[in-house]
């Protein structure tokens, strides 16, 4: 496939017809139709179904559209960066937080940063496969909030921030509610509701956030939207595992209980990650504000979470 094929897919899916897509791409409709025919022939299957007068992506088309839009977005971003480099305006912070769907703790960081560096743009980026360390090394982002181990961790600079505890989240009337802690055997046969990056069919797949040796029953994976996972649990569709600081605000509103996993709490560590070496001054300022906001007090073993400002929806 080439760039024109990707543009064809995106424009046709958006416009719903080859005629409208051709107008967007400044080509003739017959030429675009021939290009789509050749593309589908190379792939060995159609990419669009006709529903009335509209062309609608089918399953194959939707899958290819994900890839097309990812590539086109990245090319657009690279072009913008090059333009800023050419014009001498390339001073920005590209930030990614691993496994986050909300950033209530970020506005205070941005306010403080902009008071110190009013002319710098901050971009919240998403990275492929929720893997910020490779993105840092590839210069796709500048600063990352990370917790999952990566084989390239030793190639970036890490500042330890805090530890958080992973807990089982169940309805308040569940048999586990009130238990002191859970064991691996407790999870045998249990239906789990988890974020979709725990899908065991993915390559690579992440280990399930439950004790080693557990044999759960059905696993339902959901998009990385904490509200959705919590609603499923509150509705009796299974149990989930979330960081304590993510789950705690939902306890009262959704009638939930949080249960410790293991006789010793199951914890993980969060870091601020940057590329090694001296950072530009504006990145140093951003890191200072981020670390100052999230770093646990010296000697503490858990996150400073005095209120809801630091709630972030993160995977285990």
Protein backbone atom coordinates (compact mmCIF):
# COMPACT_ATOMS: atom_id res chain seq x y z
CA UNK A 1 0.00 0.00 0.00
CA UNK A 2 1.14 3.56 -0.59
CA UNK A 3 0.11 6.90 0.82
CA UNK A 4 -2.55 7.45 -1.84
CA UNK A 5 -4.22 4.16 -0.84
CA UNK A 6 -4.38 5.32 2.77
CA UNK A 7 -5.84 8.67 1.75
CA UNK A 8 -8.41 6.86 -0.40
CA UNK A 9 -9.56 4.71 2.52
CA UNK A 10 -9.83 7.66 4.89
CA UNK A 11 -11.60 9.96 2.45
CA UNK A 12 -14.08 7.32 1.26
CA UNK A 13 -14.96 6.27 4.80
CA UNK A 14 -15.48 9.91 5.80
CA UNK A 15 -17.40 10.98 2.68
CA UNK A 16 -19.42 7.80 2.16
CA UNK A 17 -19.03 7.82 -1.63
CA UNK A 18 -16.27 7.75 -4.23
CA UNK A 19 -17.61 10.91 -5.86
CA UNK A 20 -17.34 12.93 -2.65
CA UNK A 21 -13.97 11.34 -1.80
CA UNK A 22 -12.66 12.22 -5.25
CA UNK A 23 -13.61 15.86 -4.69
CA UNK A 24 -11.71 15.88 -1.39
CA UNK A 25 -8.63 14.36 -3.00
CA UNK A 26 -8.81 16.47 -6.18
CA UNK A 27 -8.91 13.46 -8.51
CA UNK A 28 -11.54 12.13 -10.87
CA UNK A 29 -14.14 9.68 -9.64
CA UNK A 30 -13.26 7.03 -12.28
CA UNK A 31 -9.58 7.19 -11.33
CA UNK A 32 -10.43 6.77 -7.64
CA UNK A 33 -12.78 3.88 -8.40
CA UNK A 34 -10.06 2.10 -10.38
CA UNK A 35 -7.57 2.64 -7.57
CA UNK A 36 -9.98 1.13 -5.01
CA UNK A 37 -10.62 -1.84 -7.31
CA UNK A 38 -6.86 -2.48 -7.67
CA UNK A 39 -6.33 -2.13 -3.92
CA UNK A 40 -9.09 -4.61 -3.09
CA UNK A 41 -7.69 -7.01 -5.70
CA UNK A 42 -4.25 -6.87 -4.11
CA UNK A 43 -5.71 -7.50 -0.66
CA UNK A 44 -7.98 -10.25 -1.94
CA UNK A 45 -11.20 -8.92 -0.38
CA UNK A 46 -13.56 -5.93 -0.54
CA UNK A 47 -13.11 -3.13 1.95
CA UNK A 48 -16.50 -1.42 1.62
CA UNK A 49 -20.12 -2.56 1.51
CA UNK A 50 -22.83 -0.56 -0.23
CA UNK A 51 -25.71 0.44 2.04
CA UNK A 52 -28.18 2.37 -0.07
CA UNK A 53 -26.19 5.14 -1.70
CA UNK A 54 -23.36 5.03 0.82
CA UNK A 55 -20.12 3.07 0.88
CA UNK A 56 -19.56 1.77 4.41
CA UNK A 57 -16.32 0.07 5.57
CA UNK A 58 -16.79 -3.62 6.29
CA UNK A 59 -14.75 -5.55 8.87
CA UNK A 60 -11.66 -5.62 6.62
CA UNK A 61 -12.11 -1.97 5.74
CA UNK A 62 -12.46 -0.93 9.38
CA UNK A 63 -9.23 -2.74 10.26
CA UNK A 64 -7.33 -1.11 7.42
CA UNK A 65 -8.84 2.24 8.32
CA UNK A 66 -7.31 2.06 11.81
CA UNK A 67 -3.86 1.60 10.27
CA UNK A 68 -4.46 4.26 7.62
CA UNK A 69 -5.52 6.92 10.09
CA UNK A 70 -2.64 6.10 12.42
CA UNK A 71 -0.12 6.60 9.60
CA UNK A 72 -1.81 9.72 8.23
CA UNK A 73 -2.01 11.29 11.69
CA UNK A 74 1.66 10.60 12.35
CA UNK A 75 2.66 12.08 8.97
CA UNK A 76 0.60 15.18 9.70
CA UNK A 77 2.25 15.51 13.11
CA UNK A 78 5.73 15.09 11.61
CA UNK A 79 4.98 17.70 8.95
CA UNK A 80 3.82 20.16 11.62
CA UNK A 81 6.96 19.53 13.65
CA UNK A 82 9.19 20.11 10.64
CA UNK A 83 7.41 23.36 9.86
CA UNK A 84 7.98 24.52 13.43
CA UNK A 85 11.64 23.52 13.20
CA UNK A 86 12.02 25.49 9.98
CA UNK A 87 10.38 28.54 11.54
CA UNK A 88 12.36 28.30 14.78
CA UNK A 89 9.25 27.61 16.90
CA UNK A 90 10.02 24.03 17.91
CA UNK A 91 9.64 24.40 21.68
CA UNK A 92 6.97 22.13 23.09
CA UNK A 93 6.36 19.32 25.57
CA UNK A 94 4.94 16.04 24.29
CA UNK A 95 3.62 14.10 27.28
CA UNK A 96 2.16 10.60 27.59
CA UNK A 97 0.77 8.85 30.66
CA UNK A 98 0.77 5.09 30.46
CA UNK A 99 -2.69 3.51 30.70
CA UNK A 100 -4.49 6.75 31.50
CA UNK A 101 -7.96 7.64 30.31
CA UNK A 102 -8.41 10.72 32.50
CA UNK A 103 -5.99 13.35 33.76
CA UNK A 104 -7.69 15.23 36.65
CA UNK A 105 -4.29 15.71 38.28
CA UNK A 106 -2.78 17.35 35.18
CA UNK A 107 -4.40 20.85 35.17
CA UNK A 108 -2.47 22.01 38.27
CA UNK A 109 0.76 20.85 36.61
CA UNK A 110 -0.10 22.76 33.42
CA UNK A 111 -1.09 25.92 35.31
CA UNK A 112 2.18 25.99 37.21
CA UNK A 113 4.19 25.17 34.08
CA UNK A 114 2.55 27.90 31.99
CA UNK A 115 3.19 30.47 34.67
CA UNK A 116 6.88 29.65 34.32
CA UNK A 117 6.96 28.97 30.56
CA UNK A 118 4.02 30.86 29.02
CA UNK A 119 5.15 30.40 25.40
CA UNK A 120 5.45 26.60 25.39
CA UNK A 121 2.77 24.28 24.02
CA UNK A 122 1.98 21.01 25.84
CA UNK A 123 0.60 18.09 23.83
CA UNK A 124 -0.98 15.04 25.42
CA UNK A 125 0.04 12.17 23.15
CA UNK A 126 -1.06 8.58 22.73
CA UNK A 127 1.57 6.01 21.86
CA UNK A 128 1.41 2.72 20.03
CA UNK A 129 0.63 -0.33 22.21
CA UNK A 130 0.60 1.93 25.31
CA UNK A 131 4.43 1.65 25.31
CA UNK A 132 5.93 5.06 26.14
CA UNK A 133 9.56 3.95 26.58
CA UNK A 134 10.06 3.04 22.89
CA UNK A 135 8.24 6.28 22.02
CA UNK A 136 10.69 8.25 24.18
CA UNK A 137 13.67 6.60 22.51
CA UNK A 138 12.20 7.30 19.07
CA UNK A 139 11.73 11.00 20.00
CA UNK A 140 7.96 10.76 19.60
CA UNK A 141 7.34 12.09 23.13
CA UNK A 142 9.46 14.01 25.65
CA UNK A 143 8.12 13.04 29.08
CA UNK A 144 6.14 10.00 30.21
CA UNK A 145 4.43 8.71 33.33
CA UNK A 146 5.17 4.97 33.36
CA UNK A 147 4.62 1.94 35.54
CA UNK A 148 4.84 -1.14 33.32
CA UNK A 149 8.34 -2.63 32.95
CA UNK A 150 9.96 -2.42 29.53
CA UNK A 151 13.04 -4.20 28.23
CA UNK A 152 14.49 -0.77 27.34
CA UNK A 153 13.92 0.82 30.76
CA UNK A 154 17.67 1.07 31.34
CA UNK A 155 18.00 3.37 28.32
CA UNK A 156 15.84 6.18 29.76
CA UNK A 157 16.11 8.38 32.83
CA UNK A 158 13.65 7.45 35.59
CA UNK A 159 12.51 9.46 38.62
CA UNK A 160 10.57 7.38 41.14
CA UNK A 161 7.26 9.01 42.05
CA UNK A 162 5.08 6.75 44.19
CA UNK A 163 3.76 3.25 44.78
CA UNK A 164 0.10 2.38 44.40
CA UNK A 165 -1.86 -0.70 45.44
CA UNK A 166 -3.86 -2.91 43.09
CA UNK A 167 -7.17 -4.02 44.61
CA UNK A 168 -10.08 -6.24 43.63
CA UNK A 169 -13.23 -4.24 42.93
CA UNK A 170 -16.54 -6.00 43.63
CA UNK A 171 -20.18 -5.07 44.38
CA UNK A 172 -20.70 -4.19 48.04
CA UNK A 173 -22.81 -7.36 48.54
CA UNK A 174 -20.29 -9.66 46.90
CA UNK A 175 -18.97 -12.61 48.91
CA UNK A 176 -15.51 -11.01 48.90
CA UNK A 177 -16.67 -7.76 50.48
CA UNK A 178 -15.28 -7.50 53.98
CA UNK A 179 -12.58 -10.12 53.38
CA UNK A 180 -9.19 -9.21 54.82
CA UNK A 181 -7.43 -10.30 51.63
CA UNK A 182 -7.76 -12.64 48.65
CA UNK A 183 -5.61 -15.58 47.58
CA UNK A 184 -4.86 -17.05 44.17
CA UNK A 185 -7.48 -19.76 44.74
CA UNK A 186 -10.18 -17.14 45.30
CA UNK A 187 -9.85 -16.11 41.65
CA UNK A 188 -10.40 -19.65 40.30
CA UNK A 189 -13.48 -19.70 38.10
CA UNK A 190 -14.22 -16.01 38.68
CA UNK A 191 -15.46 -13.84 35.80
CA UNK A 192 -13.12 -10.91 35.23
CA UNK A 193 -13.84 -7.55 33.56
CA UNK A 194 -10.57 -5.98 32.45
CA UNK A 195 -9.14 -3.36 30.11
CA UNK A 196 -8.65 -4.72 26.60
CA UNK A 197 -4.85 -4.71 26.75
CA UNK A 198 -5.23 -7.78 28.99
CA UNK A 199 -6.74 -9.68 26.04
CA UNK A 200 -4.67 -12.86 26.08
CA UNK A 201 -5.00 -13.20 22.30
CA UNK A 202 -2.99 -10.02 21.76
CA UNK A 203 0.67 -10.27 20.81
CA UNK A 204 2.33 -9.49 23.10
CA UNK A 205 -0.24 -9.97 25.83
CA UNK A 206 0.08 -8.68 29.40
CA UNK A 207 -0.12 -11.03 32.38
CA UNK A 208 -3.47 -10.84 34.12
CA UNK A 209 -3.41 -8.58 37.23
CA UNK A 210 -4.23 -11.43 39.60
CA UNK A 211 -2.06 -13.73 41.73
CA UNK A 212 0.09 -16.27 39.90
CA UNK A 213 -1.53 -19.68 39.66
CA UNK A 214 -5.10 -18.34 39.52
CA UNK A 215 -7.45 -19.90 36.99
CA UNK A 216 -10.21 -17.37 36.30
CA UNK A 217 -13.37 -18.21 34.39
CA UNK A 218 -14.63 -15.89 31.67
CA UNK A 219 -12.57 -12.80 30.87
CA UNK A 220 -14.45 -9.85 29.37
CA UNK A 221 -12.19 -7.14 27.97
CA UNK A 222 -13.38 -3.56 27.59
CA UNK A 223 -11.98 -0.35 26.08
CA UNK A 224 -9.71 1.61 28.42
CA UNK A 225 -12.61 3.55 29.95
CA UNK A 226 -12.74 3.16 33.71
CA UNK A 227 -16.38 4.26 34.00
CA UNK A 228 -17.37 1.43 31.64
CA UNK A 229 -15.45 -1.22 33.60
CA UNK A 230 -16.90 0.03 36.90
CA UNK A 231 -20.45 -0.02 35.52
CA UNK A 232 -19.97 -3.63 34.43
CA UNK A 233 -18.81 -4.63 37.91
CA UNK A 234 -21.58 -2.69 39.64
CA UNK A 235 -24.06 -4.47 37.35
CA UNK A 236 -22.86 -7.88 38.50
CA UNK A 237 -21.03 -8.86 35.30
CA UNK A 238 -17.82 -9.83 37.08
CA UNK A 239 -15.03 -8.39 39.20
CA UNK A 240 -12.11 -6.24 38.18
CA UNK A 241 -8.69 -5.20 39.47
CA UNK A 242 -7.77 -1.51 39.56
CA UNK A 243 -5.36 0.78 41.38
CA UNK A 244 -6.79 1.85 44.74
CA UNK A 245 -6.51 5.54 43.81
CA UNK A 246 -8.62 4.92 40.70
CA UNK A 247 -11.30 2.74 42.30
CA UNK A 248 -11.80 4.58 45.61
CA UNK A 249 -13.89 7.48 44.20
CA UNK A 250 -16.43 4.98 42.80
CA UNK A 251 -17.06 3.08 46.05
CA UNK A 252 -19.87 5.24 47.41
CA UNK A 253 -21.44 6.26 44.09
CA UNK A 254 -21.59 2.73 42.65
CA UNK A 255 -21.99 0.58 45.77
CA UNK A 256 -18.61 -1.14 45.54
CA UNK A 257 -16.10 -2.72 47.89
CA UNK A 258 -12.31 -2.82 47.53
CA UNK A 259 -10.47 -5.92 48.67
CA UNK A 260 -6.74 -6.41 49.19
CA UNK A 261 -5.05 -8.95 46.91
CA UNK A 262 -2.62 -11.19 48.80
CA UNK A 263 -1.54 -11.22 52.42
CA UNK A 264 0.94 -8.53 51.40
CA UNK A 265 -0.64 -5.74 49.31
CA UNK A 266 -0.05 -6.01 45.57
CA UNK A 267 1.76 -2.78 44.63
CA UNK A 268 3.58 -1.27 41.66
CA UNK A 269 5.82 1.74 41.22
CA UNK A 270 5.30 4.82 39.03
CA UNK A 271 8.12 6.80 37.42
CA UNK A 272 8.61 9.98 35.45
CA UNK A 273 10.62 8.98 32.37
CA UNK A 274 12.68 11.14 30.03
CA UNK A 275 15.51 10.58 27.59
CA UNK A 276 18.96 10.47 29.19
CA UNK A 277 21.31 13.43 29.04
CA UNK A 278 20.72 17.13 29.58
CA UNK A 279 17.17 18.26 28.87
CA UNK A 280 16.15 21.59 27.31
CA UNK A 281 15.27 24.14 29.98
CA UNK A 282 11.52 24.05 29.29
CA UNK A 283 11.44 20.25 29.67
CA UNK A 284 13.32 20.52 32.95
CA UNK A 285 10.62 22.90 34.19
CA UNK A 286 7.81 20.56 33.12
CA UNK A 287 9.47 17.59 34.84
CA UNK A 288 9.96 19.65 38.01
CA UNK A 289 6.26 20.51 38.13
CA UNK A 290 5.15 16.95 37.36
CA UNK A 291 7.46 15.38 39.93
CA UNK A 292 6.59 18.01 42.53
CA UNK A 293 2.91 17.22 42.09
CA UNK A 294 3.09 13.42 42.09
CA UNK A 295 6.18 12.49 44.08
CA UNK A 296 5.44 10.76 47.38
CA UNK A 297 6.96 12.28 50.52
CA UNK A 298 10.37 10.91 51.40
CA UNK A 299 9.98 7.60 53.22
CA UNK A 300 6.37 7.13 52.14
CA UNK A 301 5.32 3.88 50.46
CA UNK A 302 2.08 5.01 48.84
CA UNK A 303 0.95 7.83 46.63
CA UNK A 304 0.02 11.23 48.02
CA UNK A 305 -3.65 11.28 47.13
CA UNK A 306 -5.25 13.83 49.48
CA UNK A 307 -8.23 14.39 47.17
CA UNK A 308 -9.53 13.49 43.72
CA UNK A 309 -7.03 15.61 41.80
CA UNK A 310 -4.63 12.72 41.34
CA UNK A 311 -7.13 10.13 40.14
CA UNK A 312 -5.92 8.54 36.90
CA UNK A 313 -7.42 5.56 35.18
CA UNK A 314 -4.50 3.15 34.82
CA UNK A 315 -4.07 -0.49 34.13
CA UNK A 316 -2.48 -2.93 36.50
